[in-house]
Amino acid sequence: MRTYLVVIDETEEASIALRFASRRAMKTNGALHILALVASEGFVAWGGVQATLEEEAKNRAEALVSSAAGTLFEETGIRPSITVREGKGAKDVRKLMDEIDGLAALVLGAAGNGVPGPLVTHFAATEVGNLPCPVMVVPGSLSKEEIDRLS
């Protein structure tokens, strides 16, 4: 099955990418895989504080993904696969890309203005020639109607 991978966080561009990918999956009878990365807090002198911070970050990421998955199911009928992992960058996304069978595309959203974002910069430039699938970059300036029409 063709699977579209979307990395989400709390940014508007992530929402745009998720909307586009879910519509593509629906129209192509594909699947959707959502990845949320939880940044490690680094070293904190008190281990209990560090564990609490990391647990809170993981809980926020899981709540974000659950909310997105619920909305997706209501709008498209698609139940996405969900992965929540510790990590924060392109290396962690690439690791998951290599694990997904039938990966159709990595779908990323670019900021509406200014720098497109670190994942877009990395995957659309630095590593684009070595990827196992195409990269779809959804412009952040598109409206919901435009996204629905283009997907």
N, C-alpha and C. Protein backbone atom coordinates (compact mmCIF):
# COMPACT_ATOMS: atom_id res chain seq x y z
N MET A 1 0.85 -1.18 0.00
CA MET A 1 0.00 0.00 0.00
C MET A 1 0.89 1.25 0.00
N ARG A 2 0.50 2.23 -0.74
CA ARG A 2 1.23 3.49 -0.80
C ARG A 2 1.02 4.24 0.52
N THR A 3 2.12 4.59 1.16
CA THR A 3 2.05 5.27 2.44
C THR A 3 2.69 6.65 2.35
N TYR A 4 1.97 7.63 2.87
CA TYR A 4 2.47 9.01 2.92
C TYR A 4 2.91 9.28 4.35
N LEU A 5 4.15 9.71 4.52
CA LEU A 5 4.71 10.01 5.84
C LEU A 5 4.68 11.51 6.08
N VAL A 6 4.13 11.91 7.23
CA VAL A 6 4.08 13.32 7.63
C VAL A 6 4.68 13.45 9.02
N VAL A 7 5.56 14.42 9.17
CA VAL A 7 6.14 14.74 10.47
C VAL A 7 5.34 15.91 11.02
N ILE A 8 4.76 15.71 12.21
CA ILE A 8 3.96 16.81 12.74
C ILE A 8 4.51 17.34 14.05
N ASP A 9 4.21 18.60 14.23
CA ASP A 9 4.47 19.29 15.49
C ASP A 9 3.36 20.33 15.62
N GLU A 10 3.57 21.36 16.39
CA GLU A 10 2.51 22.33 16.64
C GLU A 10 2.50 23.49 15.66
N THR A 11 3.26 23.39 14.56
CA THR A 11 3.35 24.49 13.61
C THR A 11 2.23 24.42 12.56
N GLU A 12 1.94 25.55 11.97
CA GLU A 12 0.93 25.63 10.92
C GLU A 12 1.34 24.82 9.69
N GLU A 13 2.64 24.86 9.37
CA GLU A 13 3.08 24.11 8.20
C GLU A 13 2.91 22.61 8.36
N ALA A 14 3.01 22.12 9.58
CA ALA A 14 2.77 20.69 9.81
C ALA A 14 1.30 20.36 9.56
N SER A 15 0.41 21.24 9.96
CA SER A 15 -1.02 21.04 9.72
C SER A 15 -1.33 21.02 8.23
N ILE A 16 -0.66 21.89 7.50
CA ILE A 16 -0.86 21.96 6.06
C ILE A 16 -0.38 20.67 5.39
N ALA A 17 0.78 20.19 5.80
CA ALA A 17 1.31 18.95 5.25
C ALA A 17 0.39 17.77 5.57
N LEU A 18 -0.12 17.73 6.77
CA LEU A 18 -1.01 16.65 7.19
C LEU A 18 -2.30 16.67 6.37
N ARG A 19 -2.85 17.84 6.14
CA ARG A 19 -4.07 17.95 5.34
C ARG A 19 -3.81 17.45 3.92
N PHE A 20 -2.72 17.90 3.31
CA PHE A 20 -2.40 17.48 1.95
C PHE A 20 -2.20 15.97 1.88
N ALA A 21 -1.39 15.43 2.79
CA ALA A 21 -1.08 13.99 2.77
C ALA A 21 -2.33 13.15 3.00
N SER A 22 -3.19 13.58 3.89
CA SER A 22 -4.41 12.80 4.15
C SER A 22 -5.33 12.79 2.94
N ARG A 23 -5.40 13.91 2.24
CA ARG A 23 -6.23 13.95 1.03
C ARG A 23 -5.62 13.10 -0.09
N ARG A 24 -4.28 13.12 -0.21
CA ARG A 24 -3.62 12.26 -1.21
C ARG A 24 -3.87 10.79 -0.89
N ALA A 25 -3.73 10.44 0.37
CA ALA A 25 -3.94 9.05 0.77
C ALA A 25 -5.38 8.62 0.47
N MET A 26 -6.33 9.49 0.77
CA MET A 26 -7.72 9.17 0.53
C MET A 26 -7.98 8.99 -0.97
N LYS A 27 -7.45 9.87 -1.79
CA LYS A 27 -7.71 9.83 -3.24
C LYS A 27 -6.96 8.70 -3.94
N THR A 28 -5.90 8.20 -3.36
CA THR A 28 -5.11 7.14 -3.99
C THR A 28 -5.29 5.79 -3.30
N ASN A 29 -6.26 5.72 -2.38
CA ASN A 29 -6.47 4.51 -1.58
C ASN A 29 -5.18 4.10 -0.87
N GLY A 30 -4.46 5.10 -0.40
CA GLY A 30 -3.21 4.87 0.30
C GLY A 30 -3.37 4.92 1.80
N ALA A 31 -2.25 4.94 2.47
CA ALA A 31 -2.22 4.99 3.93
C ALA A 31 -1.44 6.23 4.37
N LEU A 32 -1.60 6.56 5.61
CA LEU A 32 -0.94 7.72 6.18
C LEU A 32 -0.19 7.29 7.43
N HIS A 33 1.04 7.78 7.56
CA HIS A 33 1.85 7.51 8.75
C HIS A 33 2.26 8.86 9.33
N ILE A 34 1.93 9.07 10.59
CA ILE A 34 2.25 10.32 11.27
C ILE A 34 3.40 10.08 12.23
N LEU A 35 4.41 10.93 12.15
CA LEU A 35 5.56 10.86 13.05
C LEU A 35 5.61 12.13 13.89
N ALA A 36 5.68 11.96 15.19
CA ALA A 36 5.92 13.08 16.11
C ALA A 36 7.23 12.80 16.83
N LEU A 37 8.13 13.76 16.76
CA LEU A 37 9.41 13.61 17.43
C LEU A 37 9.40 14.36 18.75
N VAL A 38 9.89 13.72 19.78
CA VAL A 38 9.99 14.32 21.10
C VAL A 38 11.45 14.64 21.33
N ALA A 39 11.75 15.90 21.48
CA ALA A 39 13.14 16.32 21.70
C ALA A 39 13.60 15.90 23.08
N SER A 40 14.80 15.38 23.14
CA SER A 40 15.41 15.04 24.42
C SER A 40 15.78 16.34 25.13
N GLU A 41 15.61 16.36 26.40
CA GLU A 41 15.90 17.57 27.17
C GLU A 41 17.39 17.76 27.43
N GLY A 42 18.19 16.81 27.01
CA GLY A 42 19.61 16.92 27.31
C GLY A 42 19.86 16.59 28.77
N PHE A 43 21.03 16.90 29.23
CA PHE A 43 21.37 16.56 30.61
C PHE A 43 20.83 17.60 31.57
N VAL A 44 20.10 17.14 32.57
CA VAL A 44 19.63 17.98 33.67
C VAL A 44 20.24 17.38 34.92
N ALA A 45 20.76 18.24 35.77
CA ALA A 45 21.49 17.77 36.95
C ALA A 45 20.68 16.81 37.82
N TRP A 46 19.39 17.00 37.89
CA TRP A 46 18.55 16.12 38.71
C TRP A 46 17.80 15.18 37.79
N GLY A 47 18.12 13.90 37.87
CA GLY A 47 17.53 12.90 36.99
C GLY A 47 16.02 12.87 37.02
N GLY A 48 15.43 13.06 38.21
CA GLY A 48 13.97 13.05 38.32
C GLY A 48 13.34 14.20 37.56
N VAL A 49 13.97 15.36 37.57
CA VAL A 49 13.47 16.52 36.83
C VAL A 49 13.54 16.24 35.33
N GLN A 50 14.65 15.67 34.90
CA GLN A 50 14.82 15.35 33.49
C GLN A 50 13.76 14.35 33.04
N ALA A 51 13.53 13.31 33.82
CA ALA A 51 12.54 12.30 33.47
C ALA A 51 11.14 12.92 33.38
N THR A 52 10.83 13.83 34.29
CA THR A 52 9.53 14.50 34.28
C THR A 52 9.38 15.36 33.03
N LEU A 53 10.41 16.13 32.69
CA LEU A 53 10.37 16.97 31.49
C LEU A 53 10.18 16.13 30.23
N GLU A 54 10.90 15.04 30.14
CA GLU A 54 10.79 14.18 28.97
C GLU A 54 9.43 13.51 28.90
N GLU A 55 8.88 13.11 30.03
CA GLU A 55 7.55 12.49 30.05
C GLU A 55 6.48 13.50 29.64
N GLU A 56 6.61 14.74 30.10
CA GLU A 56 5.65 15.79 29.71
C GLU A 56 5.72 16.07 28.22
N ALA A 57 6.92 16.10 27.66
CA ALA A 57 7.09 16.33 26.22
C ALA A 57 6.47 15.18 25.43
N LYS A 58 6.68 13.96 25.89
CA LYS A 58 6.10 12.80 25.22
C LYS A 58 4.58 12.85 25.29
N ASN A 59 4.03 13.21 26.43
CA ASN A 59 2.58 13.31 26.59
C ASN A 59 1.99 14.37 25.66
N ARG A 60 2.68 15.51 25.53
CA ARG A 60 2.22 16.57 24.61
C ARG A 60 2.21 16.07 23.17
N ALA A 61 3.27 15.38 22.79
CA ALA A 61 3.36 14.84 21.43
C ALA A 61 2.27 13.81 21.17
N GLU A 62 2.04 12.93 22.12
CA GLU A 62 1.00 11.92 21.96
C GLU A 62 -0.39 12.55 21.88
N ALA A 63 -0.62 13.60 22.67
CA ALA A 63 -1.91 14.30 22.61
C ALA A 63 -2.09 14.98 21.25
N LEU A 64 -1.03 15.58 20.74
CA LEU A 64 -1.07 16.23 19.44
C LEU A 64 -1.39 15.22 18.34
N VAL A 65 -0.71 14.10 18.36
CA VAL A 65 -0.93 13.07 17.35
C VAL A 65 -2.33 12.47 17.47
N SER A 66 -2.77 12.22 18.67
CA SER A 66 -4.12 11.65 18.88
C SER A 66 -5.19 12.59 18.37
N SER A 67 -5.03 13.86 18.65
CA SER A 67 -5.98 14.86 18.18
C SER A 67 -6.00 14.91 16.65
N ALA A 68 -4.82 14.94 16.06
CA ALA A 68 -4.73 14.97 14.59
C ALA A 68 -5.33 13.72 13.99
N ALA A 69 -5.06 12.56 14.57
CA ALA A 69 -5.59 11.30 14.05
C ALA A 69 -7.12 11.28 14.15
N GLY A 70 -7.66 11.78 15.23
CA GLY A 70 -9.11 11.82 15.39
C GLY A 70 -9.77 12.72 14.35
N THR A 71 -9.18 13.87 14.13
CA THR A 71 -9.70 14.80 13.13
C THR A 71 -9.61 14.18 11.74
N LEU A 72 -8.50 13.54 11.45
CA LEU A 72 -8.32 12.88 10.16
C LEU A 72 -9.38 11.82 9.92
N PHE A 73 -9.62 11.01 10.93
CA PHE A 73 -10.60 9.94 10.77
C PHE A 73 -11.98 10.51 10.50
N GLU A 74 -12.34 11.57 11.21
CA GLU A 74 -13.64 12.21 11.00
C GLU A 74 -13.77 12.77 9.59
N GLU A 75 -12.71 13.39 9.09
CA GLU A 75 -12.76 14.06 7.79
C GLU A 75 -12.57 13.12 6.61
N THR A 76 -11.73 12.08 6.76
CA THR A 76 -11.38 11.26 5.60
C THR A 76 -11.68 9.77 5.78
N GLY A 77 -11.91 9.33 7.00
CA GLY A 77 -12.11 7.91 7.24
C GLY A 77 -10.82 7.12 7.31
N ILE A 78 -9.69 7.80 7.26
CA ILE A 78 -8.38 7.14 7.30
C ILE A 78 -7.90 7.05 8.74
N ARG A 79 -7.47 5.86 9.13
CA ARG A 79 -6.83 5.66 10.43
C ARG A 79 -5.33 5.62 10.19
N PRO A 80 -4.63 6.67 10.58
CA PRO A 80 -3.20 6.70 10.32
C PRO A 80 -2.42 5.81 11.27
N SER A 81 -1.26 5.36 10.80
CA SER A 81 -0.29 4.73 11.70
C SER A 81 0.41 5.87 12.42
N ILE A 82 0.76 5.65 13.66
CA ILE A 82 1.34 6.71 14.48
C ILE A 82 2.64 6.23 15.10
N THR A 83 3.65 7.09 15.02
CA THR A 83 4.91 6.81 15.70
C THR A 83 5.30 8.05 16.49
N VAL A 84 5.57 7.87 17.76
CA VAL A 84 6.10 8.93 18.61
C VAL A 84 7.46 8.44 19.08
N ARG A 85 8.50 9.21 18.72
CA ARG A 85 9.87 8.81 19.05
C ARG A 85 10.65 9.98 19.63
N GLU A 86 11.65 9.60 20.42
CA GLU A 86 12.58 10.62 20.87
C GLU A 86 13.51 10.95 19.71
N GLY A 87 13.71 12.20 19.48
CA GLY A 87 14.55 12.67 18.40
C GLY A 87 14.14 14.08 18.04
N LYS A 88 14.86 14.68 17.12
CA LYS A 88 14.46 16.03 16.77
C LYS A 88 14.84 16.47 15.38
N GLY A 89 15.31 15.56 14.57
CA GLY A 89 15.78 16.05 13.30
C GLY A 89 15.68 15.07 12.16
N ALA A 90 16.32 15.45 11.08
CA ALA A 90 16.27 14.72 9.83
C ALA A 90 16.77 13.28 9.97
N LYS A 91 17.76 13.07 10.80
CA LYS A 91 18.31 11.72 10.99
C LYS A 91 17.23 10.77 11.49
N ASP A 92 16.40 11.24 12.40
CA ASP A 92 15.35 10.41 12.97
C ASP A 92 14.22 10.17 11.98
N VAL A 93 13.93 11.17 11.15
CA VAL A 93 12.91 11.01 10.12
C VAL A 93 13.40 9.99 9.09
N ARG A 94 14.64 10.12 8.69
CA ARG A 94 15.20 9.21 7.69
C ARG A 94 15.20 7.78 8.19
N LYS A 95 15.48 7.59 9.46
CA LYS A 95 15.46 6.25 10.04
C LYS A 95 14.09 5.60 9.85
N LEU A 96 13.04 6.36 10.14
CA LEU A 96 11.68 5.83 9.98
C LEU A 96 11.35 5.61 8.51
N MET A 97 11.81 6.49 7.64
CA MET A 97 11.56 6.33 6.21
C MET A 97 12.08 4.97 5.73
N ASP A 98 13.23 4.58 6.22
CA ASP A 98 13.83 3.31 5.82
C ASP A 98 13.06 2.10 6.37
N GLU A 99 12.25 2.32 7.40
CA GLU A 99 11.51 1.23 8.03
C GLU A 99 10.13 1.00 7.41
N ILE A 100 9.60 1.98 6.70
CA ILE A 100 8.24 1.88 6.16
C ILE A 100 8.25 1.23 4.78
N ASP A 101 7.54 0.11 4.67
CA ASP A 101 7.38 -0.55 3.37
C ASP A 101 6.34 0.20 2.56
N GLY A 102 6.59 0.37 1.28
CA GLY A 102 5.62 1.02 0.41
C GLY A 102 5.53 2.53 0.60
N LEU A 103 6.60 3.13 1.04
CA LEU A 103 6.57 4.58 1.27
C LEU A 103 6.42 5.31 -0.07
N ALA A 104 5.33 6.04 -0.22
CA ALA A 104 5.04 6.76 -1.47
C ALA A 104 5.70 8.12 -1.49
N ALA A 105 5.71 8.80 -0.33
CA ALA A 105 6.28 10.15 -0.27
C ALA A 105 6.44 10.61 1.16
N LEU A 106 7.42 11.46 1.35
CA LEU A 106 7.57 12.22 2.58
C LEU A 106 6.90 13.55 2.29
N VAL A 107 5.89 13.92 3.06
CA VAL A 107 5.16 15.15 2.84
C VAL A 107 5.51 16.14 3.94
N LEU A 108 6.07 17.28 3.52
CA LEU A 108 6.48 18.32 4.46
C LEU A 108 5.81 19.63 4.09
N GLY A 109 5.55 20.45 5.08
CA GLY A 109 5.00 21.78 4.84
C GLY A 109 6.09 22.82 4.99
N ALA A 110 6.08 23.79 4.09
CA ALA A 110 7.04 24.90 4.17
C ALA A 110 6.34 26.09 4.82
N ALA A 111 7.09 26.85 5.57
CA ALA A 111 6.55 28.06 6.19
C ALA A 111 6.01 28.99 5.10
N GLY A 112 4.97 29.72 5.44
CA GLY A 112 4.34 30.62 4.49
C GLY A 112 5.25 31.74 4.01
N ASN A 113 6.20 32.11 4.82
CA ASN A 113 7.19 33.12 4.41
C ASN A 113 8.47 32.88 5.19
N GLY A 114 9.54 33.39 4.65
CA GLY A 114 10.84 33.20 5.31
C GLY A 114 11.43 31.84 5.02
N VAL A 115 12.26 31.37 5.91
CA VAL A 115 12.95 30.09 5.77
C VAL A 115 11.92 28.96 5.82
N PRO A 116 12.02 27.97 4.91
CA PRO A 116 11.00 26.93 4.84
C PRO A 116 10.96 25.98 6.04
N GLY A 117 12.02 25.88 6.79
CA GLY A 117 12.08 24.97 7.94
C GLY A 117 13.22 23.99 7.77
N PRO A 118 13.72 23.44 8.88
CA PRO A 118 14.91 22.59 8.81
C PRO A 118 14.69 21.27 8.07
N LEU A 119 13.52 20.65 8.21
CA LEU A 119 13.30 19.39 7.51
C LEU A 119 13.17 19.60 6.01
N VAL A 120 12.46 20.64 5.61
CA VAL A 120 12.33 20.95 4.18
C VAL A 120 13.71 21.26 3.61
N THR A 121 14.47 22.08 4.31
CA THR A 121 15.81 22.44 3.85
C THR A 121 16.68 21.19 3.68
N HIS A 122 16.61 20.30 4.64
CA HIS A 122 17.44 19.09 4.57
C HIS A 122 16.98 18.15 3.46
N PHE A 123 15.70 17.77 3.48
CA PHE A 123 15.23 16.74 2.56
C PHE A 123 15.05 17.23 1.13
N ALA A 124 14.81 18.51 0.93
CA ALA A 124 14.62 19.02 -0.44
C ALA A 124 15.93 19.47 -1.06
N ALA A 125 17.00 19.49 -0.29
CA ALA A 125 18.28 19.95 -0.83
C ALA A 125 19.40 18.96 -0.53
N THR A 126 19.77 18.85 0.71
CA THR A 126 20.93 18.08 1.11
C THR A 126 20.86 16.61 0.74
N GLU A 127 19.73 15.96 1.00
CA GLU A 127 19.66 14.51 0.87
C GLU A 127 18.72 14.05 -0.25
N VAL A 128 18.18 14.97 -1.01
CA VAL A 128 17.13 14.62 -1.97
C VAL A 128 17.54 13.54 -2.96
N GLY A 129 18.78 13.46 -3.35
CA GLY A 129 19.22 12.46 -4.31
C GLY A 129 19.36 11.06 -3.76
N ASN A 130 19.30 10.91 -2.44
CA ASN A 130 19.52 9.60 -1.81
C ASN A 130 18.30 9.05 -1.08
N LEU A 131 17.14 9.61 -1.34
CA LEU A 131 15.94 9.21 -0.60
C LEU A 131 15.25 8.01 -1.25
N PRO A 132 14.52 7.23 -0.43
CA PRO A 132 13.81 6.07 -0.96
C PRO A 132 12.47 6.42 -1.61
N CYS A 133 12.10 7.70 -1.59
CA CYS A 133 10.81 8.12 -2.13
C CYS A 133 10.87 9.61 -2.47
N PRO A 134 9.87 10.11 -3.20
CA PRO A 134 9.82 11.55 -3.47
C PRO A 134 9.52 12.35 -2.20
N VAL A 135 9.87 13.61 -2.25
CA VAL A 135 9.51 14.56 -1.19
C VAL A 135 8.48 15.51 -1.77
N MET A 136 7.38 15.67 -1.07
CA MET A 136 6.36 16.64 -1.47
C MET A 136 6.42 17.78 -0.47
N VAL A 137 6.66 18.98 -0.98
CA VAL A 137 6.71 20.16 -0.12
C VAL A 137 5.48 20.99 -0.40
N VAL A 138 4.65 21.17 0.61
CA VAL A 138 3.40 21.90 0.47
C VAL A 138 3.64 23.34 0.93
N PRO A 139 3.41 24.32 0.05
CA PRO A 139 3.63 25.72 0.43
C PRO A 139 2.69 26.15 1.56
N GLY A 140 3.24 26.84 2.52
CA GLY A 140 2.46 27.29 3.66
C GLY A 140 1.46 28.39 3.34
N SER A 141 1.55 28.95 2.16
CA SER A 141 0.64 30.03 1.78
C SER A 141 -0.68 29.52 1.20
N LEU A 142 -0.82 28.22 1.01
CA LEU A 142 -2.04 27.67 0.43
C LEU A 142 -3.19 27.65 1.42
N SER A 143 -4.39 27.92 0.93
CA SER A 143 -5.59 27.82 1.77
C SER A 143 -6.03 26.37 1.83
N LYS A 144 -6.95 26.06 2.73
CA LYS A 144 -7.47 24.69 2.83
C LYS A 144 -8.12 24.27 1.52
N GLU A 145 -8.83 25.18 0.90
CA GLU A 145 -9.49 24.88 -0.37
C GLU A 145 -8.47 24.57 -1.46
N GLU A 146 -7.39 25.32 -1.50
CA GLU A 146 -6.34 25.09 -2.49
C GLU A 146 -5.65 23.75 -2.24
N ILE A 147 -5.42 23.43 -0.98
CA ILE A 147 -4.81 22.14 -0.64
C ILE A 147 -5.71 21.00 -1.08
N ASP A 148 -7.00 21.12 -0.80
CA ASP A 148 -7.93 20.07 -1.17
C ASP A 148 -7.99 19.91 -2.70
N ARG A 149 -7.96 21.01 -3.43
CA ARG A 149 -8.01 20.96 -4.88
C ARG A 149 -6.74 20.33 -5.46
N LEU A 150 -5.58 20.69 -4.91
CA LEU A 150 -4.30 20.21 -5.43
C LEU A 150 -3.95 18.78 -5.02
N SER A 151 -4.52 18.32 -3.94
CA SER A 151 -4.17 16.98 -3.47
C SER A 151 -4.90 15.94 -4.27
